[in-house]
Amino acid sequence: MPEGPEVETVRRSLLPRLLGATLVRPRVSAKKLRTPITKKDLRDVDGAVVTELFRKGKLLGIRTERGGGVFVRLGMTGRLVVEPKTQPPALHTHVRFDVCGPGAASGTELRFVDPRRFGEVVPFKDEVECALELGRMGPDGLALDDDDRAVVRVRLQATARAIKDVLLDQAVVAGVGNIYAAEACFVARLSPHRAGSSLDDDEARALVSAVESVLQQGVRHRGTSFSDYVDGDGQRGDNARHLHVFQREGEPCRACGDVVRRVVQGQRSTFYCGRCQR
C-alpha cells in the first residue's frame, strides 16, 4: 500500500505537469470505487485551473482556483498518473481528466487507476471542508515540528497497544503504513510488540525520530515499489533495496547478521530482527 513517501513522490512528480493546468472533461467508469463517484460529482473541477497539489499523510489533494478540488487516496493498488491520450488507458482506469492550458503537455490525461478499487477520488467544495478532512489525521510524519513530535510521543505512551499497531493509527501520526512502521521499529531498536505505555521518554523520542528518518529515506529514494506503486510519470521507486527488515524474512540483518523474522501482527506481516529488537 502506498504510504506517505509514495504519495509525496507522486505529488512531486505531478506538480510540474498539473500546476497551472486546467482539468476538463471528467470521465468516470461504471465500476465503483470505495467511495462511489460520478461525473456529476466532479462538475466543480471541470474547467478549473489547478493552483496547488498538497499532501498530508497518505492523502493527496488537488486544489483549484475555485477553492475546492479533489482528494485522492491511492488505497492498496491505486495509481495517479499523467499519460498521453494516444496511450490506451490501463485496465481498471476509473477516473480521467483531460489536462490542458499553459504549461501542460499537449494531449495528456490525468488518470486514476486502481485494480482493487480500495482507493478514492473524492471532491471537496471549499477550504472548510478540506480542513475538516485534514483535521481527522494526526501530525504528518514528513513535516513534524517540535510541538508535533511532543504530540506523537504523548499518544504513543498513552496506550497499551503494541507500538507497531500504534504507528499504523493515522490519528497518531499520518503517513506511516506497514512498511515504514516496521522500519521505524528497527531503526529505534525497539521490539514491534512493545506496548506504547512501556516506552520511557528516551525510547519514545527515538521512535519518533526513527519515523521521520525512514519516511525521509523513502522520499529520497522515490518510494518503495513491490507491485503496483509508481509515481505520477509511471516510474517505480527505488527504496525497496534500502529497507532494513521489511520483506526480508530469512535474510541476514544488515546490522548484526541475525536472521530477519516475520510474524503476523494485527492481521499484517511484521518484519524484525530478534537480536537487535529484543
Foldseek 3Di string as FASTA:
>chain_A
DAFQLQQVLQLVVCCLAAQQKAWADKQFDPDAAPDRDHPVQCPVRHGFHFHDWDDFIQWIWTATPQAKGKIKHQFPFKAWAKDAQVDDDDPQWGMKTDIDDPSHDPRIITTIGGPVRHMDIHIDRHPVSVVVVNVQFQAELQDDDPVSLVQLLCQLQVWQAQQLVSQCGRNNYGGDDQQQSLQLCLQLLADSRGGSNPDDPVSSSSSSVSSNVSSVLCNVQNHADDDRRDHRHRHHGDCPVVGQWPPQAQAAGPPPGAGWHWDQDPNDIHIYGPVSHD
